[in-house]
């Protein structure tokens, strides 16, 4: 593994740990030339299906596009990056479980919305408004009503 700091190729693994979900291995490495440390992740590379856009155009599945969508929706929201990575992993597992060579972009978008809804209501509405191309205030209202939870009532004690 090449050092990201000095580009030397002589690095050593100083610690390896299995991720919580068991799908990847985290490795701490140290460069023999500059003595700096860095982290790498190792995961099984699965052949992801092609993504078919609404206009019929086919493109490679891109994990970074999913991450970018999450980060835009979650901008300034209190959701740890670790939870985002776990959500992206769940999306990829579902896509792979379909066993298809091609998948419609709409399916990927729906999976992203489902995961955002679990993580943060505001992020879900942000993503849904762009993804669903909201044009009227009623579109926002309808989306908010889908995530709105019943309020819990606090009983006042008798004095």
C-alpha atoms as a PDB file:
ATOM      1  CA  UNK A   1       0.000   0.000   0.000  1.00  0.00           C
ATOM      2  CA  UNK A   2       1.427   3.362  -1.018  1.00  0.00           C
ATOM      3  CA  UNK A   3       1.766   6.070   1.669  1.00  0.00           C
ATOM      4  CA  UNK A   4      -0.697   8.927   1.013  1.00  0.00           C
ATOM      5  CA  UNK A   5       1.815  11.435   2.449  1.00  0.00           C
ATOM      6  CA  UNK A   6       5.180  10.659   0.818  1.00  0.00           C
ATOM      7  CA  UNK A   7       4.040   8.095  -1.806  1.00  0.00           C
ATOM      8  CA  UNK A   8       6.560   5.510  -0.594  1.00  0.00           C
ATOM      9  CA  UNK A   9       5.528   1.908  -1.192  1.00  0.00           C
ATOM     10  CA  UNK A  10       7.085   0.446   1.956  1.00  0.00           C
ATOM     11  CA  UNK A  11       4.333   0.492   4.600  1.00  0.00           C
ATOM     12  CA  UNK A  12       3.520  -1.901   7.415  1.00  0.00           C
ATOM     13  CA  UNK A  13       0.241  -2.968   8.978  1.00  0.00           C
ATOM     14  CA  UNK A  14       0.388  -2.223  12.710  1.00  0.00           C
ATOM     15  CA  UNK A  15      -3.215  -3.094  13.634  1.00  0.00           C
ATOM     16  CA  UNK A  16      -6.159  -4.878  11.962  1.00  0.00           C
ATOM     17  CA  UNK A  17      -9.740  -4.967  13.177  1.00  0.00           C
ATOM     18  CA  UNK A  18     -12.972  -6.358  11.801  1.00  0.00           C
ATOM     19  CA  UNK A  19     -15.720  -3.749  11.378  1.00  0.00           C
ATOM     20  CA  UNK A  20     -18.814  -4.053  13.576  1.00  0.00           C
ATOM     21  CA  UNK A  21     -20.890  -5.382  10.693  1.00  0.00           C
ATOM     22  CA  UNK A  22     -18.177  -7.849   9.673  1.00  0.00           C
ATOM     23  CA  UNK A  23     -18.155  -6.617   6.072  1.00  0.00           C
ATOM     24  CA  UNK A  24     -14.778  -4.884   6.116  1.00  0.00           C
ATOM     25  CA  UNK A  25     -11.378  -4.884   7.796  1.00  0.00           C
ATOM     26  CA  UNK A  26      -9.870  -1.680   9.158  1.00  0.00           C
ATOM     27  CA  UNK A  27      -6.076  -1.579   9.002  1.00  0.00           C
ATOM     28  CA  UNK A  28      -3.764   0.953  10.653  1.00  0.00           C
ATOM     29  CA  UNK A  29      -0.591   1.315   8.640  1.00  0.00           C
ATOM     30  CA  UNK A  30       2.704   3.051   9.177  1.00  0.00           C
ATOM     31  CA  UNK A  31       5.030   4.326   6.468  1.00  0.00           C
ATOM     32  CA  UNK A  32       8.610   3.087   6.814  1.00  0.00           C
ATOM     33  CA  UNK A  33       9.933   6.234   5.083  1.00  0.00           C
ATOM     34  CA  UNK A  34       8.119   9.130   6.792  1.00  0.00           C
ATOM     35  CA  UNK A  35       6.790   7.311   9.917  1.00  0.00           C
ATOM     36  CA  UNK A  36       3.287   8.717   9.400  1.00  0.00           C
ATOM     37  CA  UNK A  37       0.264   6.542  10.107  1.00  0.00           C
ATOM     38  CA  UNK A  38      -2.905   6.145   8.077  1.00  0.00           C
ATOM     39  CA  UNK A  39      -5.990   3.931   7.935  1.00  0.00           C
ATOM     40  CA  UNK A  40      -7.160   1.722   5.098  1.00  0.00           C
ATOM     41  CA  UNK A  41     -10.314  -0.345   4.730  1.00  0.00           C
ATOM     42  CA  UNK A  42     -10.544  -3.663   2.968  1.00  0.00           C
ATOM     43  CA  UNK A  43     -13.864  -5.018   1.728  1.00  0.00           C
ATOM     44  CA  UNK A  44     -15.003  -7.650  -0.689  1.00  0.00           C
ATOM     45  CA  UNK A  45     -15.581  -6.156  -4.093  1.00  0.00           C
ATOM     46  CA  UNK A  46     -18.896  -7.259  -5.477  1.00  0.00           C
ATOM     47  CA  UNK A  47     -20.022  -6.594  -9.003  1.00  0.00           C
ATOM     48  CA  UNK A  48     -22.695  -3.948  -8.609  1.00  0.00           C
ATOM     49  CA  UNK A  49     -25.413  -3.711 -11.252  1.00  0.00           C
ATOM     50  CA  UNK A  50     -25.580  -0.946 -13.811  1.00  0.00           C
ATOM     51  CA  UNK A  51     -27.934   1.892 -12.899  1.00  0.00           C
ATOM     52  CA  UNK A  52     -30.548   2.722 -15.534  1.00  0.00           C
ATOM     53  CA  UNK A  53     -31.566   6.386 -15.487  1.00  0.00           C
ATOM     54  CA  UNK A  54     -35.073   7.591 -16.365  1.00  0.00           C
ATOM     55  CA  UNK A  55     -33.914   8.526 -19.879  1.00  0.00           C
ATOM     56  CA  UNK A  56     -32.571   4.996 -20.459  1.00  0.00           C
ATOM     57  CA  UNK A  57     -28.912   5.947 -20.032  1.00  0.00           C
ATOM     58  CA  UNK A  58     -26.889   3.287 -18.203  1.00  0.00           C
ATOM     59  CA  UNK A  59     -24.102   4.125 -15.780  1.00  0.00           C
ATOM     60  CA  UNK A  60     -21.964   2.288 -13.258  1.00  0.00           C
ATOM     61  CA  UNK A  61     -23.166   2.144  -9.678  1.00  0.00           C
ATOM     62  CA  UNK A  62     -21.188   4.750  -7.729  1.00  0.00           C
ATOM     63  CA  UNK A  63     -21.017   4.577  -3.934  1.00  0.00           C
ATOM     64  CA  UNK A  64     -19.682   8.140  -3.846  1.00  0.00           C
ATOM     65  CA  UNK A  65     -22.837   9.464  -5.545  1.00  0.00           C
ATOM     66  CA  UNK A  66     -24.910   7.858  -2.808  1.00  0.00           C
ATOM     67  CA  UNK A  67     -22.627   9.349  -0.133  1.00  0.00           C
ATOM     68  CA  UNK A  68     -22.849  12.791  -1.764  1.00  0.00           C
ATOM     69  CA  UNK A  69     -26.653  12.613  -1.722  1.00  0.00           C
ATOM     70  CA  UNK A  70     -26.606  11.686   1.953  1.00  0.00           C
ATOM     71  CA  UNK A  71     -24.169  14.465   2.841  1.00  0.00           C
ATOM     72  CA  UNK A  72     -26.189  17.110   1.022  1.00  0.00           C
ATOM     73  CA  UNK A  73     -29.390  16.023   2.739  1.00  0.00           C
ATOM     74  CA  UNK A  74     -27.658  15.758   6.119  1.00  0.00           C
ATOM     75  CA  UNK A  75     -25.807  19.095   5.893  1.00  0.00           C
ATOM     76  CA  UNK A  76     -25.631  20.561   9.425  1.00  0.00           C
ATOM     77  CA  UNK A  77     -27.716  17.722  10.852  1.00  0.00           C
ATOM     78  CA  UNK A  78     -26.616  15.756  13.960  1.00  0.00           C
ATOM     79  CA  UNK A  79     -26.021  12.386  12.291  1.00  0.00           C
ATOM     80  CA  UNK A  80     -22.621  10.693  12.765  1.00  0.00           C
ATOM     81  CA  UNK A  81     -20.681   9.709   9.637  1.00  0.00           C
ATOM     82  CA  UNK A  82     -20.565   6.148  10.962  1.00  0.00           C
ATOM     83  CA  UNK A  83     -24.363   5.893  10.702  1.00  0.00           C
ATOM     84  CA  UNK A  84     -24.219   7.235   7.146  1.00  0.00           C
ATOM     85  CA  UNK A  85     -21.705   4.544   6.153  1.00  0.00           C
ATOM     86  CA  UNK A  86     -23.884   1.867   7.757  1.00  0.00           C
ATOM     87  CA  UNK A  87     -26.909   3.147   5.808  1.00  0.00           C
ATOM     88  CA  UNK A  88     -24.944   3.106   2.539  1.00  0.00           C
ATOM     89  CA  UNK A  89     -23.809  -0.453   3.314  1.00  0.00           C
ATOM     90  CA  UNK A  90     -27.441  -1.497   3.854  1.00  0.00           C
ATOM     91  CA  UNK A  91     -28.406   0.045   0.504  1.00  0.00           C
ATOM     92  CA  UNK A  92     -25.630  -1.838  -1.257  1.00  0.00           C
ATOM     93  CA  UNK A  93     -26.627  -5.096   0.429  1.00  0.00           C
ATOM     94  CA  UNK A  94     -30.213  -4.656  -0.768  1.00  0.00           C
ATOM     95  CA  UNK A  95     -29.087  -3.813  -4.302  1.00  0.00           C
ATOM     96  CA  UNK A  96     -26.853  -6.899  -4.383  1.00  0.00           C
ATOM     97  CA  UNK A  97     -29.615  -9.060  -2.898  1.00  0.00           C
ATOM     98  CA  UNK A  98     -31.811  -8.224  -5.897  1.00  0.00           C
ATOM     99  CA  UNK A  99     -29.356 -10.222  -8.015  1.00  0.00           C
ATOM    100  CA  UNK A 100     -29.987  -8.088 -11.090  1.00  0.00           C
ATOM    101  CA  UNK A 101     -27.459  -6.958 -13.690  1.00  0.00           C
ATOM    102  CA  UNK A 102     -29.295  -3.627 -14.030  1.00  0.00           C
ATOM    103  CA  UNK A 103     -31.336  -1.614 -11.562  1.00  0.00           C
ATOM    104  CA  UNK A 104     -33.463   1.473 -12.145  1.00  0.00           C
ATOM    105  CA  UNK A 105     -32.188   4.663 -10.541  1.00  0.00           C
ATOM    106  CA  UNK A 106     -35.644   5.083  -9.025  1.00  0.00           C
ATOM    107  CA  UNK A 107     -35.080   1.937  -6.930  1.00  0.00           C
ATOM    108  CA  UNK A 108     -31.770   3.311  -5.629  1.00  0.00           C
ATOM    109  CA  UNK A 109     -33.446   6.658  -4.840  1.00  0.00           C
ATOM    110  CA  UNK A 110     -36.218   4.927  -2.907  1.00  0.00           C
ATOM    111  CA  UNK A 111     -33.647   2.979  -0.883  1.00  0.00           C
ATOM    112  CA  UNK A 112     -31.814   6.213  -0.063  1.00  0.00           C
ATOM    113  CA  UNK A 113     -35.071   7.853   1.030  1.00  0.00           C
ATOM    114  CA  UNK A 114     -35.918   4.874   3.254  1.00  0.00           C
ATOM    115  CA  UNK A 115     -32.531   5.090   4.983  1.00  0.00           C
ATOM    116  CA  UNK A 116     -32.706   8.878   5.374  1.00  0.00           C
ATOM    117  CA  UNK A 117     -36.147   8.566   6.911  1.00  0.00           C
ATOM    118  CA  UNK A 118     -34.632   6.312   9.615  1.00  0.00           C
ATOM    119  CA  UNK A 119     -31.736   8.694  10.252  1.00  0.00           C
ATOM    120  CA  UNK A 120     -33.254  12.175  10.231  1.00  0.00           C
ATOM    121  CA  UNK A 121     -36.664  13.579   9.276  1.00  0.00           C
ATOM    122  CA  UNK A 122     -35.294  16.918   8.048  1.00  0.00           C
ATOM    123  CA  UNK A 123     -32.731  15.206   5.816  1.00  0.00           C
ATOM    124  CA  UNK A 124     -35.478  12.957   4.467  1.00  0.00           C
ATOM    125  CA  UNK A 125     -37.617  15.985   3.513  1.00  0.00           C
ATOM    126  CA  UNK A 126     -34.620  17.724   1.927  1.00  0.00           C
ATOM    127  CA  UNK A 127     -33.791  14.693  -0.203  1.00  0.00           C
ATOM    128  CA  UNK A 128     -37.416  13.982  -1.061  1.00  0.00           C
ATOM    129  CA  UNK A 129     -37.962  17.585  -2.185  1.00  0.00           C
ATOM    130  CA  UNK A 130     -35.122  17.379  -4.712  1.00  0.00           C
ATOM    131  CA  UNK A 131     -35.605  13.728  -5.657  1.00  0.00           C
ATOM    132  CA  UNK A 132     -39.379  14.125  -6.003  1.00  0.00           C
ATOM    133  CA  UNK A 133     -39.010  17.484  -7.798  1.00  0.00           C
ATOM    134  CA  UNK A 134     -41.428  19.239  -5.439  1.00  0.00           C
ATOM    135  CA  UNK A 135     -43.153  22.132  -7.213  1.00  0.00           C
ATOM    136  CA  UNK A 136     -45.849  23.166  -4.725  1.00  0.00           C
ATOM    137  CA  UNK A 137     -46.049  23.680  -0.985  1.00  0.00           C
ATOM    138  CA  UNK A 138     -48.564  20.817  -0.876  1.00  0.00           C
ATOM    139  CA  UNK A 139     -45.770  18.464  -1.972  1.00  0.00           C
ATOM    140  CA  UNK A 140     -43.812  19.429   1.149  1.00  0.00           C
ATOM    141  CA  UNK A 141     -46.894  19.095   3.343  1.00  0.00           C
ATOM    142  CA  UNK A 142     -47.595  15.603   2.043  1.00  0.00           C
ATOM    143  CA  UNK A 143     -43.988  14.523   2.652  1.00  0.00           C
ATOM    144  CA  UNK A 144     -44.029  15.982   6.164  1.00  0.00           C
ATOM    145  CA  UNK A 145     -47.263  14.168   6.956  1.00  0.00           C
ATOM    146  CA  UNK A 146     -45.560  10.901   5.968  1.00  0.00           C
ATOM    147  CA  UNK A 147     -42.847  11.362   8.608  1.00  0.00           C
ATOM    148  CA  UNK A 148     -44.884  13.112  11.264  1.00  0.00           C
ATOM    149  CA  UNK A 149     -45.153  11.076  14.422  1.00  0.00           C
ATOM    150  CA  UNK A 150     -48.000  11.338  16.909  1.00  0.00           C
ATOM    151  CA  UNK A 151     -47.096  13.626  19.775  1.00  0.00           C
ATOM    152  CA  UNK A 152     -46.942  12.057  23.197  1.00  0.00           C
ATOM    153  CA  UNK A 153     -49.096  13.780  25.726  1.00  0.00           C
ATOM    154  CA  UNK A 154     -47.842  14.481  29.191  1.00  0.00           C
ATOM    155  CA  UNK A 155     -50.512  14.114  31.838  1.00  0.00           C
ATOM    156  CA  UNK A 156     -50.617  16.855  34.403  1.00  0.00           C
ATOM    157  CA  UNK A 157     -50.645  15.565  37.915  1.00  0.00           C
ATOM    158  CA  UNK A 158     -53.524  16.643  40.171  1.00  0.00           C
ATOM    159  CA  UNK A 159     -52.518  19.023  42.903  1.00  0.00           C
END
